[in-house]
Amino acid sequence: RGRFWKTPKRAATRTGWTDVGSPTVTARYVQIKNVCYFQIRVVPGTTVATTAGTSYVALPVTAFGLSGDGSMTDLTTLIAIGSCAIDAANSRVYVPTQIATGDTLLIAGWFEA
């Protein structure tokens, strides 16, 4: 309580994703002292696909420390897709492999900011 989720000043830039159509990407975060919690929602235009180790999203604020934790979930089927890797050195969250899907995806987690 007393904390408000914010919309990032910079867009949730995705790199290494394969898009068919134009997806809608929304993000929000809240920073409590030196911990930042984030949520990124991807609604495919038609489909999106990712490859582990190369597909990532820029974090909403600069990361510090060694790491953090995150996961990607299919919000349409309510099935967990897998763990994400937080790259604190480059302020990125790397997502797991996802074959082409038209389902809505959620990436959520935390890191030291």
PDB file of N, CA and C in Angstrom:
ATOM      1  N   ARG A   1       0.829  -1.178   0.000  1.00  0.00           N
ATOM      2  CA  ARG A   1       0.000   0.000   0.000  1.00  0.00           C
ATOM      3  C   ARG A   1       0.873   1.241   0.000  1.00  0.00           C
ATOM      4  N   GLY A   2       0.349   2.296  -0.562  1.00  0.00           N
ATOM      5  CA  GLY A   2       1.109   3.524  -0.604  1.00  0.00           C
ATOM      6  C   GLY A   2       2.067   3.597  -1.775  1.00  0.00           C
ATOM      7  N   ARG A   3       2.209   2.527  -2.535  1.00  0.00           N
ATOM      8  CA  ARG A   3       3.086   2.517  -3.705  1.00  0.00           C
ATOM      9  C   ARG A   3       2.216   2.453  -4.943  1.00  0.00           C
ATOM     10  N   PHE A   4       2.626   3.134  -5.993  1.00  0.00           N
ATOM     11  CA  PHE A   4       1.843   3.159  -7.210  1.00  0.00           C
ATOM     12  C   PHE A   4       2.654   2.613  -8.369  1.00  0.00           C
ATOM     13  N   TRP A   5       2.017   1.834  -9.198  1.00  0.00           N
ATOM     14  CA  TRP A   5       2.651   1.329 -10.407  1.00  0.00           C
ATOM     15  C   TRP A   5       2.785   2.475 -11.392  1.00  0.00           C
ATOM     16  N   LYS A   6       3.902   2.531 -12.091  1.00  0.00           N
ATOM     17  CA  LYS A   6       4.174   3.592 -13.051  1.00  0.00           C
ATOM     18  C   LYS A   6       4.308   3.005 -14.449  1.00  0.00           C
ATOM     19  N   THR A   7       4.007   3.824 -15.437  1.00  0.00           N
ATOM     20  CA  THR A   7       4.276   3.462 -16.821  1.00  0.00           C
ATOM     21  C   THR A   7       5.703   3.918 -17.109  1.00  0.00           C
ATOM     22  N   PRO A   8       6.546   3.038 -17.672  1.00  0.00           N
ATOM     23  CA  PRO A   8       7.933   3.432 -17.937  1.00  0.00           C
ATOM     24  C   PRO A   8       8.013   4.634 -18.876  1.00  0.00           C
ATOM     25  N   LYS A   9       9.020   5.484 -18.656  1.00  0.00           N
ATOM     26  CA  LYS A   9       9.232   6.636 -19.530  1.00  0.00           C
ATOM     27  C   LYS A   9       9.711   6.175 -20.903  1.00  0.00           C
ATOM     28  N   ARG A  10      10.458   5.084 -20.922  1.00  0.00           N
ATOM     29  CA  ARG A  10      10.875   4.534 -22.214  1.00  0.00           C
ATOM     30  C   ARG A  10      10.015   3.312 -22.510  1.00  0.00           C
ATOM     31  N   ALA A  11       9.774   3.077 -23.776  1.00  0.00           N
ATOM     32  CA  ALA A  11       8.931   1.952 -24.189  1.00  0.00           C
ATOM     33  C   ALA A  11       9.580   0.626 -23.800  1.00  0.00           C
ATOM     34  N   ALA A  12       8.761  -0.390 -23.622  1.00  0.00           N
ATOM     35  CA  ALA A  12       9.266  -1.740 -23.344  1.00  0.00           C
ATOM     36  C   ALA A  12       9.797  -2.298 -24.666  1.00  0.00           C
ATOM     37  N   THR A  13      11.027  -1.924 -24.986  1.00  0.00           N
ATOM     38  CA  THR A  13      11.631  -2.290 -26.261  1.00  0.00           C
ATOM     39  C   THR A  13      11.977  -3.767 -26.290  1.00  0.00           C
ATOM     40  N   ARG A  14      11.440  -4.455 -27.283  1.00  0.00           N
ATOM     41  CA  ARG A  14      11.701  -5.882 -27.450  1.00  0.00           C
ATOM     42  C   ARG A  14      12.705  -6.068 -28.586  1.00  0.00           C
ATOM     43  N   THR A  15      13.639  -6.992 -28.390  1.00  0.00           N
ATOM     44  CA  THR A  15      14.646  -7.304 -29.405  1.00  0.00           C
ATOM     45  C   THR A  15      14.697  -8.811 -29.595  1.00  0.00           C
ATOM     46  N   GLY A  16      14.795  -9.245 -30.837  1.00  0.00           N
ATOM     47  CA  GLY A  16      14.920 -10.672 -31.125  1.00  0.00           C
ATOM     48  C   GLY A  16      13.597 -11.418 -31.129  1.00  0.00           C
ATOM     49  N   TRP A  17      12.486 -10.711 -31.129  1.00  0.00           N
ATOM     50  CA  TRP A  17      11.164 -11.328 -31.197  1.00  0.00           C
ATOM     51  C   TRP A  17      10.749 -11.415 -32.657  1.00  0.00           C
ATOM     52  N   THR A  18      10.017 -12.456 -33.009  1.00  0.00           N
ATOM     53  CA  THR A  18       9.469 -12.587 -34.354  1.00  0.00           C
ATOM     54  C   THR A  18       7.988 -12.254 -34.281  1.00  0.00           C
ATOM     55  N   ASP A  19       7.597 -11.165 -34.963  1.00  0.00           N
ATOM     56  CA  ASP A  19       6.217 -10.700 -34.934  1.00  0.00           C
ATOM     57  C   ASP A  19       5.566 -10.859 -36.294  1.00  0.00           C
ATOM     58  N   VAL A  20       4.349 -11.377 -36.300  1.00  0.00           N
ATOM     59  CA  VAL A  20       3.487 -11.326 -37.479  1.00  0.00           C
ATOM     60  C   VAL A  20       2.355 -10.392 -37.077  1.00  0.00           C
ATOM     61  N   GLY A  21       2.226  -9.272 -37.770  1.00  0.00           N
ATOM     62  CA  GLY A  21       1.304  -8.239 -37.330  1.00  0.00           C
ATOM     63  C   GLY A  21       2.001  -7.347 -36.313  1.00  0.00           C
ATOM     64  N   SER A  22       1.314  -6.339 -35.856  1.00  0.00           N
ATOM     65  CA  SER A  22       1.885  -5.390 -34.890  1.00  0.00           C
ATOM     66  C   SER A  22       1.338  -5.664 -33.498  1.00  0.00           C
ATOM     67  N   PRO A  23       2.175  -6.182 -32.593  1.00  0.00           N
ATOM     68  CA  PRO A  23       1.697  -6.467 -31.244  1.00  0.00           C
ATOM     69  C   PRO A  23       1.487  -5.187 -30.433  1.00  0.00           C
ATOM     70  N   THR A  24       0.650  -5.289 -29.420  1.00  0.00           N
ATOM     71  CA  THR A  24       0.461  -4.216 -28.453  1.00  0.00           C
ATOM     72  C   THR A  24       1.247  -4.597 -27.211  1.00  0.00           C
ATOM     73  N   VAL A  25       2.182  -3.743 -26.830  1.00  0.00           N
ATOM     74  CA  VAL A  25       3.034  -4.020 -25.672  1.00  0.00           C
ATOM     75  C   VAL A  25       2.774  -2.948 -24.624  1.00  0.00           C
ATOM     76  N   THR A  26       2.392  -3.376 -23.427  1.00  0.00           N
ATOM     77  CA  THR A  26       2.194  -2.450 -22.317  1.00  0.00           C
ATOM     78  C   THR A  26       3.065  -2.901 -21.164  1.00  0.00           C
ATOM     79  N   ALA A  27       3.544  -1.941 -20.405  1.00  0.00           N
ATOM     80  CA  ALA A  27       4.430  -2.271 -19.286  1.00  0.00           C
ATOM     81  C   ALA A  27       4.155  -1.349 -18.115  1.00  0.00           C
ATOM     82  N   ARG A  28       4.488  -1.823 -16.948  1.00  0.00           N
ATOM     83  CA  ARG A  28       4.413  -0.994 -15.755  1.00  0.00           C
ATOM     84  C   ARG A  28       5.435  -1.511 -14.756  1.00  0.00           C
ATOM     85  N   TYR A  29       5.786  -0.657 -13.804  1.00  0.00           N
ATOM     86  CA  TYR A  29       6.744  -1.061 -12.789  1.00  0.00           C
ATOM     87  C   TYR A  29       6.516  -0.253 -11.524  1.00  0.00           C
ATOM     88  N   VAL A  30       7.060  -0.763 -10.442  1.00  0.00           N
ATOM     89  CA  VAL A  30       7.084  -0.016  -9.186  1.00  0.00           C
ATOM     90  C   VAL A  30       8.449  -0.277  -8.556  1.00  0.00           C
ATOM     91  N   GLN A  31       9.056   0.788  -8.051  1.00  0.00           N
ATOM     92  CA  GLN A  31      10.348   0.652  -7.388  1.00  0.00           C
ATOM     93  C   GLN A  31      10.163   0.958  -5.917  1.00  0.00           C
ATOM     94  N   ILE A  32      10.541   0.011  -5.087  1.00  0.00           N
ATOM     95  CA  ILE A  32      10.472   0.158  -3.639  1.00  0.00           C
ATOM     96  C   ILE A  32      11.899   0.058  -3.121  1.00  0.00           C
ATOM     97  N   LYS A  33      12.422   1.204  -2.712  1.00  0.00           N
ATOM     98  CA  LYS A  33      13.830   1.338  -2.331  1.00  0.00           C
ATOM     99  C   LYS A  33      14.690   0.873  -3.497  1.00  0.00           C
ATOM    100  N   ASN A  34      15.493  -0.192  -3.324  1.00  0.00           N
ATOM    101  CA  ASN A  34      16.379  -0.604  -4.415  1.00  0.00           C
ATOM    102  C   ASN A  34      15.882  -1.849  -5.157  1.00  0.00           C
ATOM    103  N   VAL A  35      14.613  -2.170  -5.028  1.00  0.00           N
ATOM    104  CA  VAL A  35      14.050  -3.313  -5.755  1.00  0.00           C
ATOM    105  C   VAL A  35      12.958  -2.803  -6.708  1.00  0.00           C
ATOM    106  N   CYS A  36      13.050  -3.225  -7.962  1.00  0.00           N
ATOM    107  CA  CYS A  36      12.074  -2.832  -8.969  1.00  0.00           C
ATOM    108  C   CYS A  36      11.277  -4.066  -9.393  1.00  0.00           C
ATOM    109  N   TYR A  37       9.969  -3.976  -9.337  1.00  0.00           N
ATOM    110  CA  TYR A  37       9.076  -5.031  -9.797  1.00  0.00           C
ATOM    111  C   TYR A  37       8.488  -4.575 -11.128  1.00  0.00           C
ATOM    112  N   PHE A  38       8.398  -5.473 -12.100  1.00  0.00           N
ATOM    113  CA  PHE A  38       7.912  -5.084 -13.417  1.00  0.00           C
ATOM    114  C   PHE A  38       6.925  -6.103 -13.979  1.00  0.00           C
ATOM    115  N   GLN A  39       6.075  -5.623 -14.887  1.00  0.00           N
ATOM    116  CA  GLN A  39       5.125  -6.456 -15.627  1.00  0.00           C
ATOM    117  C   GLN A  39       5.082  -5.947 -17.061  1.00  0.00           C
ATOM    118  N   ILE A  40       5.183  -6.860 -18.011  1.00  0.00           N
ATOM    119  CA  ILE A  40       5.133  -6.516 -19.429  1.00  0.00           C
ATOM    120  C   ILE A  40       4.124  -7.436 -20.087  1.00  0.00           C
ATOM    121  N   ARG A  41       3.159  -6.847 -20.760  1.00  0.00           N
ATOM    122  CA  ARG A  41       2.103  -7.622 -21.418  1.00  0.00           C
ATOM    123  C   ARG A  41       2.243  -7.471 -22.929  1.00  0.00           C
ATOM    124  N   VAL A  42       2.255  -8.595 -23.636  1.00  0.00           N
ATOM    125  CA  VAL A  42       2.390  -8.589 -25.090  1.00  0.00           C
ATOM    126  C   VAL A  42       1.147  -9.248 -25.693  1.00  0.00           C
ATOM    127  N   VAL A  43       0.376  -8.450 -26.439  1.00  0.00           N
ATOM    128  CA  VAL A  43      -0.801  -8.960 -27.146  1.00  0.00           C
ATOM    129  C   VAL A  43      -0.423  -9.010 -28.626  1.00  0.00           C
ATOM    130  N   PRO A  44      -0.267 -10.206 -29.195  1.00  0.00           N
ATOM    131  CA  PRO A  44       0.179 -10.307 -30.590  1.00  0.00           C
ATOM    132  C   PRO A  44      -0.790  -9.656 -31.564  1.00  0.00           C
ATOM    133  N   GLY A  45      -0.230  -9.087 -32.664  1.00  0.00           N
ATOM    134  CA  GLY A  45      -1.071  -8.631 -33.763  1.00  0.00           C
ATOM    135  C   GLY A  45      -1.716  -9.856 -34.387  1.00  0.00           C
ATOM    136  N   THR A  46      -0.893 -10.809 -34.783  1.00  0.00           N
ATOM    137  CA  THR A  46      -1.342 -12.129 -35.227  1.00  0.00           C
ATOM    138  C   THR A  46      -0.633 -13.187 -34.399  1.00  0.00           C
ATOM    139  N   THR A  47       0.719 -13.227 -34.487  1.00  0.00           N
ATOM    140  CA  THR A  47       1.513 -14.134 -33.650  1.00  0.00           C
ATOM    141  C   THR A  47       2.814 -13.458 -33.231  1.00  0.00           C
ATOM    142  N   VAL A  48       3.402 -13.974 -32.152  1.00  0.00           N
ATOM    143  CA  VAL A  48       4.756 -13.614 -31.720  1.00  0.00           C
ATOM    144  C   VAL A  48       5.489 -14.906 -31.407  1.00  0.00           C
ATOM    145  N   ALA A  49       6.818 -14.882 -31.522  1.00  0.00           N
ATOM    146  CA  ALA A  49       7.648 -16.025 -31.173  1.00  0.00           C
ATOM    147  C   ALA A  49       8.952 -15.500 -30.581  1.00  0.00           C
ATOM    148  N   THR A  50       9.560 -16.285 -29.684  1.00  0.00           N
ATOM    149  CA  THR A  50      10.815 -15.890 -29.049  1.00  0.00           C
ATOM    150  C   THR A  50      11.799 -17.056 -29.072  1.00  0.00           C
ATOM    151  N   THR A  51      13.070 -16.720 -28.897  1.00  0.00           N
ATOM    152  CA  THR A  51      14.144 -17.716 -28.816  1.00  0.00           C
ATOM    153  C   THR A  51      14.955 -17.431 -27.565  1.00  0.00           C
ATOM    154  N   ALA A  52      15.074 -18.423 -26.686  1.00  0.00           N
ATOM    155  CA  ALA A  52      15.832 -18.250 -25.446  1.00  0.00           C
ATOM    156  C   ALA A  52      17.271 -17.848 -25.763  1.00  0.00           C
ATOM    157  N   GLY A  53      17.779 -16.904 -24.985  1.00  0.00           N
ATOM    158  CA  GLY A  53      19.156 -16.467 -25.142  1.00  0.00           C
ATOM    159  C   GLY A  53      19.347 -15.321 -26.117  1.00  0.00           C
ATOM    160  N   THR A  54      18.359 -15.064 -26.986  1.00  0.00           N
ATOM    161  CA  THR A  54      18.481 -13.953 -27.930  1.00  0.00           C
ATOM    162  C   THR A  54      17.293 -12.999 -27.886  1.00  0.00           C
ATOM    163  N   SER A  55      16.148 -13.429 -27.426  1.00  0.00           N
ATOM    164  CA  SER A  55      14.965 -12.569 -27.347  1.00  0.00           C
ATOM    165  C   SER A  55      14.909 -11.934 -25.955  1.00  0.00           C
ATOM    166  N   TYR A  56      14.811 -10.601 -25.935  1.00  0.00           N
ATOM    167  CA  TYR A  56      14.765  -9.920 -24.639  1.00  0.00           C
ATOM    168  C   TYR A  56      13.934  -8.658 -24.714  1.00  0.00           C
ATOM    169  N   VAL A  57      13.679  -8.096 -23.509  1.00  0.00           N
ATOM    170  CA  VAL A  57      12.990  -6.822 -23.364  1.00  0.00           C
ATOM    171  C   VAL A  57      13.863  -5.946 -22.471  1.00  0.00           C
ATOM    172  N   ALA A  58      14.006  -4.669 -22.837  1.00  0.00           N
ATOM    173  CA  ALA A  58      14.756  -3.730 -22.005  1.00  0.00           C
ATOM    174  C   ALA A  58      13.993  -3.494 -20.699  1.00  0.00           C
ATOM    175  N   LEU A  59      14.712  -3.491 -19.583  1.00  0.00           N
ATOM    176  CA  LEU A  59      14.078  -3.238 -18.291  1.00  0.00           C
ATOM    177  C   LEU A  59      13.692  -1.763 -18.171  1.00  0.00           C
ATOM    178  N   PRO A  60      12.691  -1.443 -17.338  1.00  0.00           N
ATOM    179  CA  PRO A  60      12.166  -0.068 -17.270  1.00  0.00           C
ATOM    180  C   PRO A  60      13.114   0.940 -16.642  1.00  0.00           C
ATOM    181  N   VAL A  61      14.009   0.498 -15.770  1.00  0.00           N
ATOM    182  CA  VAL A  61      15.021   1.369 -15.167  1.00  0.00           C
ATOM    183  C   VAL A  61      16.339   0.603 -15.148  1.00  0.00           C
ATOM    184  N   THR A  62      17.428   1.306 -14.942  1.00  0.00           N
ATOM    185  CA  THR A  62      18.752   0.682 -14.946  1.00  0.00           C
ATOM    186  C   THR A  62      18.883  -0.314 -13.805  1.00  0.00           C
ATOM    187  N   ALA A  63      19.362  -1.501 -14.138  1.00  0.00           N
ATOM    188  CA  ALA A  63      19.560  -2.557 -13.153  1.00  0.00           C
ATOM    189  C   ALA A  63      20.957  -2.463 -12.533  1.00  0.00           C
ATOM    190  N   PHE A  64      21.078  -2.903 -11.287  1.00  0.00           N
ATOM    191  CA  PHE A  64      22.342  -2.982 -10.582  1.00  0.00           C
ATOM    192  C   PHE A  64      22.445  -4.363  -9.970  1.00  0.00           C
ATOM    193  N   GLY A  65      23.539  -4.646  -9.324  1.00  0.00           N
ATOM    194  CA  GLY A  65      23.689  -5.928  -8.652  1.00  0.00           C
ATOM    195  C   GLY A  65      24.009  -7.039  -9.623  1.00  0.00           C
ATOM    196  N   LEU A  66      23.680  -8.260  -9.236  1.00  0.00           N
ATOM    197  CA  LEU A  66      24.034  -9.427 -10.030  1.00  0.00           C
ATOM    198  C   LEU A  66      22.909  -9.956 -10.883  1.00  0.00           C
ATOM    199  N   SER A  67      21.677  -9.914 -10.388  1.00  0.00           N
ATOM    200  CA  SER A  67      20.580 -10.514 -11.143  1.00  0.00           C
ATOM    201  C   SER A  67      19.246 -10.109 -10.550  1.00  0.00           C
ATOM    202  N   GLY A  68      18.270 -10.967 -10.756  1.00  0.00           N
ATOM    203  CA  GLY A  68      16.916 -10.806 -10.257  1.00  0.00           C
ATOM    204  C   GLY A  68      16.179 -12.080 -10.616  1.00  0.00           C
ATOM    205  N   ASP A  69      14.879 -11.988 -10.845  1.00  0.00           N
ATOM    206  CA  ASP A  69      14.111 -13.174 -11.199  1.00  0.00           C
ATOM    207  C   ASP A  69      12.912 -12.749 -12.033  1.00  0.00           C
ATOM    208  N   GLY A  70      12.485 -13.635 -12.926  1.00  0.00           N
ATOM    209  CA  GLY A  70      11.330 -13.337 -13.751  1.00  0.00           C
ATOM    210  C   GLY A  70      10.759 -14.600 -14.367  1.00  0.00           C
ATOM    211  N   SER A  71       9.560 -14.473 -14.918  1.00  0.00           N
ATOM    212  CA  SER A  71       8.922 -15.610 -15.581  1.00  0.00           C
ATOM    213  C   SER A  71       8.020 -15.093 -16.690  1.00  0.00           C
ATOM    214  N   MET A  72       7.720 -15.982 -17.644  1.00  0.00           N
ATOM    215  CA  MET A  72       6.800 -15.649 -18.721  1.00  0.00           C
ATOM    216  C   MET A  72       5.635 -16.627 -18.660  1.00  0.00           C
ATOM    217  N   THR A  73       4.420 -16.095 -18.763  1.00  0.00           N
ATOM    218  CA  THR A  73       3.194 -16.869 -18.657  1.00  0.00           C
ATOM    219  C   THR A  73       2.302 -16.598 -19.856  1.00  0.00           C
ATOM    220  N   ASP A  74       1.613 -17.622 -20.324  1.00  0.00           N
ATOM    221  CA  ASP A  74       0.598 -17.478 -21.365  1.00  0.00           C
ATOM    222  C   ASP A  74      -0.696 -17.108 -20.645  1.00  0.00           C
ATOM    223  N   LEU A  75      -1.149 -15.856 -20.800  1.00  0.00           N
ATOM    224  CA  LEU A  75      -2.351 -15.404 -20.101  1.00  0.00           C
ATOM    225  C   LEU A  75      -3.634 -15.949 -20.712  1.00  0.00           C
ATOM    226  N   THR A  76      -3.581 -16.398 -21.962  1.00  0.00           N
ATOM    227  CA  THR A  76      -4.774 -16.939 -22.608  1.00  0.00           C
ATOM    228  C   THR A  76      -5.094 -18.324 -22.057  1.00  0.00           C
ATOM    229  N   THR A  77      -4.057 -19.170 -21.918  1.00  0.00           N
ATOM    230  CA  THR A  77      -4.256 -20.543 -21.428  1.00  0.00           C
ATOM    231  C   THR A  77      -3.966 -20.683 -19.939  1.00  0.00           C
ATOM    232  N   LEU A  78      -3.381 -19.626 -19.345  1.00  0.00           N
ATOM    233  CA  LEU A  78      -2.974 -19.627 -17.932  1.00  0.00           C
ATOM    234  C   LEU A  78      -1.957 -20.720 -17.645  1.00  0.00           C
ATOM    235  N   ILE A  79      -1.017 -20.885 -18.569  1.00  0.00           N
ATOM    236  CA  ILE A  79       0.055 -21.877 -18.426  1.00  0.00           C
ATOM    237  C   ILE A  79       1.390 -21.153 -18.360  1.00  0.00           C
ATOM    238  N   ALA A  80       2.228 -21.550 -17.398  1.00  0.00           N
ATOM    239  CA  ALA A  80       3.569 -20.980 -17.283  1.00  0.00           C
ATOM    240  C   ALA A  80       4.420 -21.446 -18.458  1.00  0.00           C
ATOM    241  N   ILE A  81       5.131 -20.510 -19.083  1.00  0.00           N
ATOM    242  CA  ILE A  81       6.005 -20.857 -20.200  1.00  0.00           C
ATOM    243  C   ILE A  81       7.398 -21.182 -19.696  1.00  0.00           C
ATOM    244  N   GLY A  82       7.932 -20.373 -18.796  1.00  0.00           N
ATOM    245  CA  GLY A  82       9.251 -20.658 -18.247  1.00  0.00           C
ATOM    246  C   GLY A  82       9.875 -19.466 -17.558  1.00  0.00           C
ATOM    247  N   SER A  83      11.074 -19.705 -17.045  1.00  0.00           N
ATOM    248  CA  SER A  83      11.822 -18.678 -16.328  1.00  0.00           C
ATOM    249  C   SER A  83      12.508 -17.731 -17.290  1.00  0.00           C
ATOM    250  N   CYS A  84      12.683 -16.517 -16.833  1.00  0.00           N
ATOM    251  CA  CYS A  84      13.408 -15.498 -17.583  1.00  0.00           C
ATOM    252  C   CYS A  84      14.753 -15.263 -16.903  1.00  0.00           C
ATOM    253  N   ALA A  85      15.721 -14.807 -17.671  1.00  0.00           N
ATOM    254  CA  ALA A  85      17.038 -14.470 -17.123  1.00  0.00           C
ATOM    255  C   ALA A  85      17.173 -12.953 -17.088  1.00  0.00           C
ATOM    256  N   ILE A  86      17.498 -12.416 -15.918  1.00  0.00           N
ATOM    257  CA  ILE A  86      17.718 -10.982 -15.777  1.00  0.00           C
ATOM    258  C   ILE A  86      19.198 -10.713 -16.018  1.00  0.00           C
ATOM    259  N   ASP A  87      19.495  -9.877 -16.999  1.00  0.00           N
ATOM    260  CA  ASP A  87      20.868  -9.471 -17.310  1.00  0.00           C
ATOM    261  C   ASP A  87      21.063  -8.076 -16.732  1.00  0.00           C
ATOM    262  N   ALA A  88      21.590  -8.021 -15.497  1.00  0.00           N
ATOM    263  CA  ALA A  88      21.741  -6.744 -14.806  1.00  0.00           C
ATOM    264  C   ALA A  88      22.785  -5.860 -15.483  1.00  0.00           C
ATOM    265  N   ALA A  89      23.796  -6.455 -16.088  1.00  0.00           N
ATOM    266  CA  ALA A  89      24.856  -5.676 -16.728  1.00  0.00           C
ATOM    267  C   ALA A  89      24.321  -4.837 -17.893  1.00  0.00           C
ATOM    268  N   ASN A  90      23.295  -5.345 -18.595  1.00  0.00           N
ATOM    269  CA  ASN A  90      22.738  -4.653 -19.757  1.00  0.00           C
ATOM    270  C   ASN A  90      21.294  -4.198 -19.563  1.00  0.00           C
ATOM    271  N   SER A  91      20.746  -4.371 -18.347  1.00  0.00           N
ATOM    272  CA  SER A  91      19.365  -3.979 -18.018  1.00  0.00           C
ATOM    273  C   SER A  91      18.356  -4.608 -18.976  1.00  0.00           C
ATOM    274  N   ARG A  92      18.429  -5.939 -19.096  1.00  0.00           N
ATOM    275  CA  ARG A  92      17.537  -6.690 -19.980  1.00  0.00           C
ATOM    276  C   ARG A  92      16.931  -7.887 -19.247  1.00  0.00           C
ATOM    277  N   VAL A  93      15.753  -8.303 -19.714  1.00  0.00           N
ATOM    278  CA  VAL A  93      15.162  -9.555 -19.260  1.00  0.00           C
ATOM    279  C   VAL A  93      15.050 -10.456 -20.493  1.00  0.00           C
ATOM    280  N   TYR A  94      15.793 -11.571 -20.458  1.00  0.00           N
ATOM    281  CA  TYR A  94      15.767 -12.546 -21.543  1.00  0.00           C
ATOM    282  C   TYR A  94      14.635 -13.539 -21.290  1.00  0.00           C
ATOM    283  N   VAL A  95      13.824 -13.772 -22.304  1.00  0.00           N
ATOM    284  CA  VAL A  95      12.646 -14.628 -22.167  1.00  0.00           C
ATOM    285  C   VAL A  95      12.938 -16.034 -22.700  1.00  0.00           C
ATOM    286  N   PRO A  96      12.145 -17.033 -22.281  1.00  0.00           N
ATOM    287  CA  PRO A  96      12.333 -18.397 -22.781  1.00  0.00           C
ATOM    288  C   PRO A  96      11.806 -18.539 -24.213  1.00  0.00           C
ATOM    289  N   THR A  97      12.128 -19.653 -24.828  1.00  0.00           N
ATOM    290  CA  THR A  97      11.632 -19.937 -26.175  1.00  0.00           C
ATOM    291  C   THR A  97      10.121 -20.121 -26.146  1.00  0.00           C
ATOM    292  N   GLN A  98       9.457 -19.488 -27.099  1.00  0.00           N
ATOM    293  CA  GLN A  98       8.016 -19.633 -27.283  1.00  0.00           C
ATOM    294  C   GLN A  98       7.762 -19.766 -28.780  1.00  0.00           C
ATOM    295  N   ILE A  99       7.167 -20.895 -29.186  1.00  0.00           N
ATOM    296  CA  ILE A  99       6.827 -21.046 -30.600  1.00  0.00           C
ATOM    297  C   ILE A  99       5.756 -20.021 -30.955  1.00  0.00           C
ATOM    298  N   ALA A 100       5.588 -19.750 -32.246  1.00  0.00           N
ATOM    299  CA  ALA A 100       4.633 -18.737 -32.682  1.00  0.00           C
ATOM    300  C   ALA A 100       3.267 -18.969 -32.037  1.00  0.00           C
ATOM    301  N   THR A 101       2.746 -17.922 -31.419  1.00  0.00           N
ATOM    302  CA  THR A 101       1.463 -18.008 -30.732  1.00  0.00           C
ATOM    303  C   THR A 101       0.686 -16.711 -30.911  1.00  0.00           C
ATOM    304  N   GLY A 102      -0.600 -16.829 -30.905  1.00  0.00           N
ATOM    305  CA  GLY A 102      -1.482 -15.669 -30.922  1.00  0.00           C
ATOM    306  C   GLY A 102      -1.988 -15.334 -29.536  1.00  0.00           C
ATOM    307  N   ASP A 103      -1.506 -16.061 -28.530  1.00  0.00           N
ATOM    308  CA  ASP A 103      -1.947 -15.858 -27.150  1.00  0.00           C
ATOM    309  C   ASP A 103      -1.257 -14.647 -26.519  1.00  0.00           C
ATOM    310  N   THR A 104      -1.920 -14.047 -25.536  1.00  0.00           N
ATOM    311  CA  THR A 104      -1.356 -12.932 -24.782  1.00  0.00           C
ATOM    312  C   THR A 104      -0.313 -13.460 -23.808  1.00  0.00           C
ATOM    313  N   LEU A 105       0.846 -12.796 -23.763  1.00  0.00           N
ATOM    314  CA  LEU A 105       1.951 -13.202 -22.894  1.00  0.00           C
ATOM    315  C   LEU A 105       2.192 -12.168 -21.817  1.00  0.00           C
ATOM    316  N   LEU A 106       2.596 -12.636 -20.628  1.00  0.00           N
ATOM    317  CA  LEU A 106       2.954 -11.757 -19.528  1.00  0.00           C
ATOM    318  C   LEU A 106       4.360 -12.104 -19.063  1.00  0.00           C
ATOM    319  N   ILE A 107       5.197 -11.090 -18.957  1.00  0.00           N
ATOM    320  CA  ILE A 107       6.540 -11.244 -18.406  1.00  0.00           C
ATOM    321  C   ILE A 107       6.543 -10.423 -17.124  1.00  0.00           C
ATOM    322  N   ALA A 108       6.894 -11.041 -16.022  1.00  0.00           N
ATOM    323  CA  ALA A 108       6.885 -10.327 -14.734  1.00  0.00           C
ATOM    324  C   ALA A 108       8.072 -10.766 -13.903  1.00  0.00           C
ATOM    325  N   GLY A 109       8.561  -9.857 -13.058  1.00  0.00           N
ATOM    326  CA  GLY A 109       9.675 -10.224 -12.211  1.00  0.00           C
ATOM    327  C   GLY A 109      10.168  -9.045 -11.400  1.00  0.00           C
ATOM    328  N   TRP A 110      11.407  -9.171 -10.912  1.00  0.00           N
ATOM    329  CA  TRP A 110      12.018  -8.147 -10.073  1.00  0.00           C
ATOM    330  C   TRP A 110      13.514  -8.121 -10.318  1.00  0.00           C
ATOM    331  N   PHE A 111      14.144  -7.013  -9.961  1.00  0.00           N
ATOM    332  CA  PHE A 111      15.596  -6.890 -10.034  1.00  0.00           C
ATOM    333  C   PHE A 111      16.041  -5.751  -9.123  1.00  0.00           C
ATOM    334  N   GLU A 112      17.348  -5.707  -8.832  1.00  0.00           N
ATOM    335  CA  GLU A 112      17.893  -4.636  -8.008  1.00  0.00           C
ATOM    336  C   GLU A 112      18.110  -3.400  -8.876  1.00  0.00           C
ATOM    337  N   ALA A 113      17.605  -2.280  -8.428  1.00  0.00           N
ATOM    338  CA  ALA A 113      17.739  -1.024  -9.191  1.00  0.00           C
ATOM    339  C   ALA A 113      18.491   0.011  -8.384  1.00  0.00           C
TER     340      ALA A 113
END
